[in-house]
Amino acid sequence: MVLDLIKDRDMTANEIAATLSDRGQQVSRSEVGPILTKAQAAGLIRNAGKRECSVTGRSAIAWKAEKEVFHGNKPNHKGNPAGEL
């Protein structure tokens, strides 16, 4: 779910939470943070640098999925301990 969102573009944690909420999945920023931490530790995503968040207007880290995580159109969720990526 999160990896699919940041496959083609970088997003901040608040942007991810807002997008998921818009799609009917009630996810808060505080729930997205630990998912991103686990994904980074597993080498699935990378810090794409700081930029202005479109949700908060504040400077925030944007995250991007690592290209090698994806094979075809399906993400490889190997190393996903909680099934939330």
PDB file of N, CA and C in Angstrom:
ATOM      1  N   MET A   1       0.824  -1.182   0.000  1.00  0.00           N
ATOM      2  CA  MET A   1       0.000   0.000   0.000  1.00  0.00           C
ATOM      3  C   MET A   1       0.873   1.251   0.000  1.00  0.00           C
ATOM      4  N   VAL A   2       1.752   1.432   0.956  1.00  0.00           N
ATOM      5  CA  VAL A   2       2.619   2.615   1.000  1.00  0.00           C
ATOM      6  C   VAL A   2       3.636   2.580  -0.135  1.00  0.00           C
ATOM      7  N   LEU A   3       4.239   1.426  -0.375  1.00  0.00           N
ATOM      8  CA  LEU A   3       5.232   1.327  -1.445  1.00  0.00           C
ATOM      9  C   LEU A   3       4.631   1.666  -2.796  1.00  0.00           C
ATOM     10  N   ASP A   4       3.402   1.264  -3.021  1.00  0.00           N
ATOM     11  CA  ASP A   4       2.750   1.578  -4.289  1.00  0.00           C
ATOM     12  C   ASP A   4       2.610   3.086  -4.484  1.00  0.00           C
ATOM     13  N   LEU A   5       2.361   3.810  -3.411  1.00  0.00           N
ATOM     14  CA  LEU A   5       2.203   5.268  -3.504  1.00  0.00           C
ATOM     15  C   LEU A   5       3.509   5.970  -3.846  1.00  0.00           C
ATOM     16  N   ILE A   6       4.608   5.478  -3.309  1.00  0.00           N
ATOM     17  CA  ILE A   6       5.884   6.179  -3.503  1.00  0.00           C
ATOM     18  C   ILE A   6       6.773   5.498  -4.536  1.00  0.00           C
ATOM     19  N   LYS A   7       6.168   4.671  -5.345  1.00  0.00           N
ATOM     20  CA  LYS A   7       6.911   3.981  -6.402  1.00  0.00           C
ATOM     21  C   LYS A   7       7.395   4.966  -7.468  1.00  0.00           C
ATOM     22  N   ASP A   8       6.528   5.862  -7.897  1.00  0.00           N
ATOM     23  CA  ASP A   8       6.844   6.759  -9.010  1.00  0.00           C
ATOM     24  C   ASP A   8       7.133   8.196  -8.602  1.00  0.00           C
ATOM     25  N   ARG A   9       6.870   8.530  -7.351  1.00  0.00           N
ATOM     26  CA  ARG A   9       7.127   9.894  -6.878  1.00  0.00           C
ATOM     27  C   ARG A   9       7.391   9.873  -5.383  1.00  0.00           C
ATOM     28  N   ASP A  10       8.108  10.883  -4.933  1.00  0.00           N
ATOM     29  CA  ASP A  10       8.370  10.956  -3.499  1.00  0.00           C
ATOM     30  C   ASP A  10       7.174  11.593  -2.791  1.00  0.00           C
ATOM     31  N   MET A  11       6.982  11.195  -1.538  1.00  0.00           N
ATOM     32  CA  MET A  11       5.889  11.727  -0.724  1.00  0.00           C
ATOM     33  C   MET A  11       6.338  11.826   0.726  1.00  0.00           C
ATOM     34  N   THR A  12       5.774  12.795   1.436  1.00  0.00           N
ATOM     35  CA  THR A  12       6.026  12.916   2.865  1.00  0.00           C
ATOM     36  C   THR A  12       5.055  11.991   3.607  1.00  0.00           C
ATOM     37  N   ALA A  13       5.315  11.772   4.878  1.00  0.00           N
ATOM     38  CA  ALA A  13       4.435  10.921   5.685  1.00  0.00           C
ATOM     39  C   ALA A  13       3.019  11.489   5.728  1.00  0.00           C
ATOM     40  N   ASN A  14       2.896  12.798   5.857  1.00  0.00           N
ATOM     41  CA  ASN A  14       1.564  13.409   5.877  1.00  0.00           C
ATOM     42  C   ASN A  14       0.858  13.271   4.535  1.00  0.00           C
ATOM     43  N   GLU A  15       1.594  13.377   3.441  1.00  0.00           N
ATOM     44  CA  GLU A  15       0.992  13.203   2.114  1.00  0.00           C
ATOM     45  C   GLU A  15       0.519  11.769   1.918  1.00  0.00           C
ATOM     46  N   ILE A  16       1.306  10.813   2.411  1.00  0.00           N
ATOM     47  CA  ILE A  16       0.917   9.404   2.327  1.00  0.00           C
ATOM     48  C   ILE A  16      -0.363   9.169   3.123  1.00  0.00           C
ATOM     49  N   ALA A  17      -0.403   9.655   4.359  1.00  0.00           N
ATOM     50  CA  ALA A  17      -1.581   9.477   5.209  1.00  0.00           C
ATOM     51  C   ALA A  17      -2.812  10.121   4.573  1.00  0.00           C
ATOM     52  N   ALA A  18      -2.661  11.323   4.027  1.00  0.00           N
ATOM     53  CA  ALA A  18      -3.787  12.022   3.403  1.00  0.00           C
ATOM     54  C   ALA A  18      -4.288  11.277   2.170  1.00  0.00           C
ATOM     55  N   THR A  19      -3.368  10.772   1.361  1.00  0.00           N
ATOM     56  CA  THR A  19      -3.751  10.035   0.155  1.00  0.00           C
ATOM     57  C   THR A  19      -4.489   8.752   0.513  1.00  0.00           C
ATOM     58  N   LEU A  20      -3.977   8.026   1.496  1.00  0.00           N
ATOM     59  CA  LEU A  20      -4.648   6.797   1.923  1.00  0.00           C
ATOM     60  C   LEU A  20      -6.026   7.099   2.499  1.00  0.00           C
ATOM     61  N   SER A  21      -6.135   8.170   3.268  1.00  0.00           N
ATOM     62  CA  SER A  21      -7.433   8.561   3.825  1.00  0.00           C
ATOM     63  C   SER A  21      -8.411   8.928   2.713  1.00  0.00           C
ATOM     64  N   ASP A  22      -7.913   9.632   1.687  1.00  0.00           N
ATOM     65  CA  ASP A  22      -8.758   9.981   0.539  1.00  0.00           C
ATOM     66  C   ASP A  22      -9.266   8.740  -0.182  1.00  0.00           C
ATOM     67  N   ARG A  23      -8.518   7.660  -0.097  1.00  0.00           N
ATOM     68  CA  ARG A  23      -8.891   6.395  -0.746  1.00  0.00           C
ATOM     69  C   ARG A  23      -9.706   5.491   0.175  1.00  0.00           C
ATOM     70  N   GLY A  24     -10.115   6.021   1.323  1.00  0.00           N
ATOM     71  CA  GLY A  24     -10.971   5.273   2.227  1.00  0.00           C
ATOM     72  C   GLY A  24     -10.260   4.459   3.285  1.00  0.00           C
ATOM     73  N   GLN A  25      -8.942   4.558   3.347  1.00  0.00           N
ATOM     74  CA  GLN A  25      -8.181   3.838   4.365  1.00  0.00           C
ATOM     75  C   GLN A  25      -7.795   4.837   5.450  1.00  0.00           C
ATOM     76  N   GLN A  26      -8.453   4.787   6.568  1.00  0.00           N
ATOM     77  CA  GLN A  26      -8.201   5.740   7.641  1.00  0.00           C
ATOM     78  C   GLN A  26      -6.862   5.456   8.307  1.00  0.00           C
ATOM     79  N   VAL A  27      -5.847   6.172   7.859  1.00  0.00           N
ATOM     80  CA  VAL A  27      -4.487   6.015   8.371  1.00  0.00           C
ATOM     81  C   VAL A  27      -3.992   7.384   8.806  1.00  0.00           C
ATOM     82  N   SER A  28      -3.463   7.465  10.007  1.00  0.00           N
ATOM     83  CA  SER A  28      -2.952   8.740  10.510  1.00  0.00           C
ATOM     84  C   SER A  28      -1.457   8.865  10.242  1.00  0.00           C
ATOM     85  N   ARG A  29      -0.964  10.068  10.350  1.00  0.00           N
ATOM     86  CA  ARG A  29       0.471  10.335  10.194  1.00  0.00           C
ATOM     87  C   ARG A  29       1.264   9.514  11.205  1.00  0.00           C
ATOM     88  N   SER A  30       0.732   9.381  12.417  1.00  0.00           N
ATOM     89  CA  SER A  30       1.450   8.635  13.458  1.00  0.00           C
ATOM     90  C   SER A  30       1.517   7.136  13.148  1.00  0.00           C
ATOM     91  N   GLU A  31       0.637   6.644  12.304  1.00  0.00           N
ATOM     92  CA  GLU A  31       0.704   5.242  11.881  1.00  0.00           C
ATOM     93  C   GLU A  31       1.655   5.067  10.700  1.00  0.00           C
ATOM     94  N   VAL A  32       1.762   6.082   9.858  1.00  0.00           N
ATOM     95  CA  VAL A  32       2.628   6.010   8.678  1.00  0.00           C
ATOM     96  C   VAL A  32       4.103   6.045   9.076  1.00  0.00           C
ATOM     97  N   GLY A  33       4.454   6.840  10.075  1.00  0.00           N
ATOM     98  CA  GLY A  33       5.852   6.979  10.496  1.00  0.00           C
ATOM     99  C   GLY A  33       6.549   5.660  10.777  1.00  0.00           C
ATOM    100  N   PRO A  34       5.985   4.797  11.626  1.00  0.00           N
ATOM    101  CA  PRO A  34       6.628   3.508  11.902  1.00  0.00           C
ATOM    102  C   PRO A  34       6.723   2.609  10.664  1.00  0.00           C
ATOM    103  N   ILE A  35       5.750   2.693   9.772  1.00  0.00           N
ATOM    104  CA  ILE A  35       5.803   1.915   8.530  1.00  0.00           C
ATOM    105  C   ILE A  35       6.997   2.359   7.700  1.00  0.00           C
ATOM    106  N   LEU A  36       7.197   3.677   7.607  1.00  0.00           N
ATOM    107  CA  LEU A  36       8.329   4.208   6.845  1.00  0.00           C
ATOM    108  C   LEU A  36       9.657   3.815   7.487  1.00  0.00           C
ATOM    109  N   THR A  37       9.708   3.837   8.811  1.00  0.00           N
ATOM    110  CA  THR A  37      10.929   3.448   9.523  1.00  0.00           C
ATOM    111  C   THR A  37      11.290   1.994   9.222  1.00  0.00           C
ATOM    112  N   LYS A  38      10.298   1.099   9.277  1.00  0.00           N
ATOM    113  CA  LYS A  38      10.531  -0.317   8.976  1.00  0.00           C
ATOM    114  C   LYS A  38      10.959  -0.506   7.522  1.00  0.00           C
ATOM    115  N   ALA A  39      10.307   0.216   6.625  1.00  0.00           N
ATOM    116  CA  ALA A  39      10.625   0.089   5.197  1.00  0.00           C
ATOM    117  C   ALA A  39      12.033   0.584   4.901  1.00  0.00           C
ATOM    118  N   GLN A  40      12.442   1.657   5.563  1.00  0.00           N
ATOM    119  CA  GLN A  40      13.798   2.171   5.359  1.00  0.00           C
ATOM    120  C   GLN A  40      14.822   1.171   5.907  1.00  0.00           C
ATOM    121  N   ALA A  41      14.558   0.625   7.080  1.00  0.00           N
ATOM    122  CA  ALA A  41      15.474  -0.351   7.680  1.00  0.00           C
ATOM    123  C   ALA A  41      15.609  -1.603   6.810  1.00  0.00           C
ATOM    124  N   ALA A  42      14.542  -1.947   6.096  1.00  0.00           N
ATOM    125  CA  ALA A  42      14.557  -3.118   5.218  1.00  0.00           C
ATOM    126  C   ALA A  42      15.134  -2.803   3.837  1.00  0.00           C
ATOM    127  N   GLY A  43      15.492  -1.539   3.608  1.00  0.00           N
ATOM    128  CA  GLY A  43      16.067  -1.151   2.324  1.00  0.00           C
ATOM    129  C   GLY A  43      15.050  -1.001   1.207  1.00  0.00           C
ATOM    130  N   LEU A  44      13.774  -0.858   1.573  1.00  0.00           N
ATOM    131  CA  LEU A  44      12.717  -0.750   0.572  1.00  0.00           C
ATOM    132  C   LEU A  44      12.490   0.676   0.093  1.00  0.00           C
ATOM    133  N   ILE A  45      12.827   1.650   0.947  1.00  0.00           N
ATOM    134  CA  ILE A  45      12.634   3.056   0.589  1.00  0.00           C
ATOM    135  C   ILE A  45      13.880   3.846   0.954  1.00  0.00           C
ATOM    136  N   ARG A  46      13.939   5.063   0.423  1.00  0.00           N
ATOM    137  CA  ARG A  46      15.062   5.942   0.748  1.00  0.00           C
ATOM    138  C   ARG A  46      14.548   7.350   1.013  1.00  0.00           C
ATOM    139  N   ASN A  47      15.322   8.065   1.779  1.00  0.00           N
ATOM    140  CA  ASN A  47      15.074   9.473   2.043  1.00  0.00           C
ATOM    141  C   ASN A  47      15.395  10.221   0.753  1.00  0.00           C
ATOM    142  N   ALA A  48      14.410  10.911   0.192  1.00  0.00           N
ATOM    143  CA  ALA A  48      14.598  11.640  -1.065  1.00  0.00           C
ATOM    144  C   ALA A  48      14.933  13.107  -0.816  1.00  0.00           C
ATOM    145  N   GLY A  49      15.120  13.470   0.448  1.00  0.00           N
ATOM    146  CA  GLY A  49      15.460  14.847   0.796  1.00  0.00           C
ATOM    147  C   GLY A  49      14.275  15.596   1.373  1.00  0.00           C
ATOM    148  N   LYS A  50      14.561  16.775   1.891  1.00  0.00           N
ATOM    149  CA  LYS A  50      13.505  17.599   2.480  1.00  0.00           C
ATOM    150  C   LYS A  50      12.898  18.506   1.420  1.00  0.00           C
ATOM    151  N   ARG A  51      11.595  18.709   1.558  1.00  0.00           N
ATOM    152  CA  ARG A  51      10.876  19.643   0.700  1.00  0.00           C
ATOM    153  C   ARG A  51       9.612  20.072   1.428  1.00  0.00           C
ATOM    154  N   GLU A  52       8.902  21.019   0.860  1.00  0.00           N
ATOM    155  CA  GLU A  52       7.669  21.477   1.485  1.00  0.00           C
ATOM    156  C   GLU A  52       6.583  20.418   1.307  1.00  0.00           C
ATOM    157  N   CYS A  53       5.943  20.063   2.406  1.00  0.00           N
ATOM    158  CA  CYS A  53       4.846  19.101   2.389  1.00  0.00           C
ATOM    159  C   CYS A  53       3.590  19.798   1.868  1.00  0.00           C
ATOM    160  N   SER A  54       2.900  19.181   0.931  1.00  0.00           N
ATOM    161  CA  SER A  54       1.691  19.785   0.367  1.00  0.00           C
ATOM    162  C   SER A  54       0.515  19.761   1.343  1.00  0.00           C
ATOM    163  N   VAL A  55       0.612  18.965   2.393  1.00  0.00           N
ATOM    164  CA  VAL A  55      -0.457  18.883   3.390  1.00  0.00           C
ATOM    165  C   VAL A  55      -0.264  19.929   4.482  1.00  0.00           C
ATOM    166  N   THR A  56       0.951  20.026   5.002  1.00  0.00           N
ATOM    167  CA  THR A  56       1.210  20.912   6.143  1.00  0.00           C
ATOM    168  C   THR A  56       1.837  22.244   5.757  1.00  0.00           C
ATOM    169  N   GLY A  57       2.472  22.294   4.590  1.00  0.00           N
ATOM    170  CA  GLY A  57       3.192  23.500   4.182  1.00  0.00           C
ATOM    171  C   GLY A  57       4.538  23.649   4.866  1.00  0.00           C
ATOM    172  N   ARG A  58       4.914  22.674   5.657  1.00  0.00           N
ATOM    173  CA  ARG A  58       6.185  22.714   6.380  1.00  0.00           C
ATOM    174  C   ARG A  58       7.225  21.835   5.694  1.00  0.00           C
ATOM    175  N   SER A  59       8.478  22.096   6.000  1.00  0.00           N
ATOM    176  CA  SER A  59       9.563  21.283   5.464  1.00  0.00           C
ATOM    177  C   SER A  59       9.502  19.892   6.098  1.00  0.00           C
ATOM    178  N   ALA A  60       9.587  18.874   5.254  1.00  0.00           N
ATOM    179  CA  ALA A  60       9.503  17.496   5.743  1.00  0.00           C
ATOM    180  C   ALA A  60      10.312  16.586   4.830  1.00  0.00           C
ATOM    181  N   ILE A  61      10.701  15.443   5.358  1.00  0.00           N
ATOM    182  CA  ILE A  61      11.409  14.452   4.554  1.00  0.00           C
ATOM    183  C   ILE A  61      10.414  13.804   3.598  1.00  0.00           C
ATOM    184  N   ALA A  62      10.815  13.703   2.347  1.00  0.00           N
ATOM    185  CA  ALA A  62      10.032  12.979   1.348  1.00  0.00           C
ATOM    186  C   ALA A  62      10.677  11.604   1.169  1.00  0.00           C
ATOM    187  N   TRP A  63       9.862  10.607   0.940  1.00  0.00           N
ATOM    188  CA  TRP A  63      10.323   9.224   0.819  1.00  0.00           C
ATOM    189  C   TRP A  63      10.024   8.696  -0.568  1.00  0.00           C
ATOM    190  N   LYS A  64      10.900   7.825  -1.054  1.00  0.00           N
ATOM    191  CA  LYS A  64      10.763   7.245  -2.395  1.00  0.00           C
ATOM    192  C   LYS A  64      11.105   5.765  -2.314  1.00  0.00           C
ATOM    193  N   ALA A  65      10.318   4.933  -2.998  1.00  0.00           N
ATOM    194  CA  ALA A  65      10.609   3.496  -3.039  1.00  0.00           C
ATOM    195  C   ALA A  65      11.862   3.258  -3.863  1.00  0.00           C
ATOM    196  N   GLU A  66      12.654   2.305  -3.432  1.00  0.00           N
ATOM    197  CA  GLU A  66      13.836   1.907  -4.195  1.00  0.00           C
ATOM    198  C   GLU A  66      13.366   1.173  -5.447  1.00  0.00           C
ATOM    199  N   LYS A  67      13.939   1.488  -6.577  1.00  0.00           N
ATOM    200  CA  LYS A  67      13.514   0.905  -7.860  1.00  0.00           C
ATOM    201  C   LYS A  67      13.613  -0.616  -7.877  1.00  0.00           C
ATOM    202  N   GLU A  68      14.674  -1.165  -7.274  1.00  0.00           N
ATOM    203  CA  GLU A  68      14.855  -2.611  -7.331  1.00  0.00           C
ATOM    204  C   GLU A  68      13.843  -3.386  -6.491  1.00  0.00           C
ATOM    205  N   VAL A  69      13.032  -2.702  -5.710  1.00  0.00           N
ATOM    206  CA  VAL A  69      12.003  -3.362  -4.909  1.00  0.00           C
ATOM    207  C   VAL A  69      10.904  -3.897  -5.813  1.00  0.00           C
ATOM    208  N   PHE A  70      10.698  -3.240  -6.954  1.00  0.00           N
ATOM    209  CA  PHE A  70       9.599  -3.591  -7.843  1.00  0.00           C
ATOM    210  C   PHE A  70      10.062  -4.485  -8.981  1.00  0.00           C
ATOM    211  N   HIS A  71       9.284  -5.517  -9.223  1.00  0.00           N
ATOM    212  CA  HIS A  71       9.525  -6.427 -10.342  1.00  0.00           C
ATOM    213  C   HIS A  71       8.253  -6.404 -11.178  1.00  0.00           C
ATOM    214  N   GLY A  72       8.310  -5.816 -12.349  1.00  0.00           N
ATOM    215  CA  GLY A  72       7.104  -5.630 -13.149  1.00  0.00           C
ATOM    216  C   GLY A  72       6.245  -4.579 -12.483  1.00  0.00           C
ATOM    217  N   ASN A  73       4.966  -4.859 -12.290  1.00  0.00           N
ATOM    218  CA  ASN A  73       4.057  -3.908 -11.662  1.00  0.00           C
ATOM    219  C   ASN A  73       3.761  -4.244 -10.209  1.00  0.00           C
ATOM    220  N   LYS A  74       4.306  -5.355  -9.720  1.00  0.00           N
ATOM    221  CA  LYS A  74       4.007  -5.760  -8.349  1.00  0.00           C
ATOM    222  C   LYS A  74       5.204  -5.521  -7.450  1.00  0.00           C
ATOM    223  N   PRO A  75       4.971  -4.887  -6.300  1.00  0.00           N
ATOM    224  CA  PRO A  75       6.089  -4.676  -5.385  1.00  0.00           C
ATOM    225  C   PRO A  75       6.518  -5.981  -4.731  1.00  0.00           C
ATOM    226  N   ASN A  76       7.804  -6.087  -4.482  1.00  0.00           N
ATOM    227  CA  ASN A  76       8.347  -7.222  -3.746  1.00  0.00           C
ATOM    228  C   ASN A  76       8.376  -6.814  -2.282  1.00  0.00           C
ATOM    229  N   HIS A  77       7.494  -7.379  -1.477  1.00  0.00           N
ATOM    230  CA  HIS A  77       7.375  -6.984  -0.073  1.00  0.00           C
ATOM    231  C   HIS A  77       8.243  -7.833   0.839  1.00  0.00           C
ATOM    232  N   LYS A  78       9.287  -8.430   0.302  1.00  0.00           N
ATOM    233  CA  LYS A  78      10.197  -9.238   1.116  1.00  0.00           C
ATOM    234  C   LYS A  78      10.764  -8.372   2.241  1.00  0.00           C
ATOM    235  N   GLY A  79      10.750  -8.885   3.418  1.00  0.00           N
ATOM    236  CA  GLY A  79      11.273  -8.129   4.548  1.00  0.00           C
ATOM    237  C   GLY A  79      10.229  -7.242   5.206  1.00  0.00           C
ATOM    238  N   ASN A  80       8.980  -7.355   4.799  1.00  0.00           N
ATOM    239  CA  ASN A  80       7.906  -6.563   5.380  1.00  0.00           C
ATOM    240  C   ASN A  80       7.364  -7.298   6.599  1.00  0.00           C
ATOM    241  N   PRO A  81       7.798  -6.913   7.794  1.00  0.00           N
ATOM    242  CA  PRO A  81       7.444  -7.653   8.992  1.00  0.00           C
ATOM    243  C   PRO A  81       5.981  -7.573   9.389  1.00  0.00           C
ATOM    244  N   ALA A  82       5.298  -6.520   9.031  1.00  0.00           N
ATOM    245  CA  ALA A  82       3.933  -6.363   9.523  1.00  0.00           C
ATOM    246  C   ALA A  82       2.876  -6.405   8.424  1.00  0.00           C
ATOM    247  N   GLY A  83       3.271  -6.558   7.177  1.00  0.00           N
ATOM    248  CA  GLY A  83       2.302  -6.626   6.094  1.00  0.00           C
ATOM    249  C   GLY A  83       1.658  -5.301   5.745  1.00  0.00           C
ATOM    250  N   GLU A  84       2.203  -4.195   6.231  1.00  0.00           N
ATOM    251  CA  GLU A  84       1.555  -2.911   6.002  1.00  0.00           C
ATOM    252  C   GLU A  84       2.144  -2.123   4.846  1.00  0.00           C
ATOM    253  N   LEU A  85       3.175  -2.635   4.228  1.00  0.00           N
ATOM    254  CA  LEU A  85       3.805  -1.903   3.141  1.00  0.00           C
ATOM    255  C   LEU A  85       3.073  -2.185   1.855  1.00  0.00           C
TER     256      LEU A  85
END
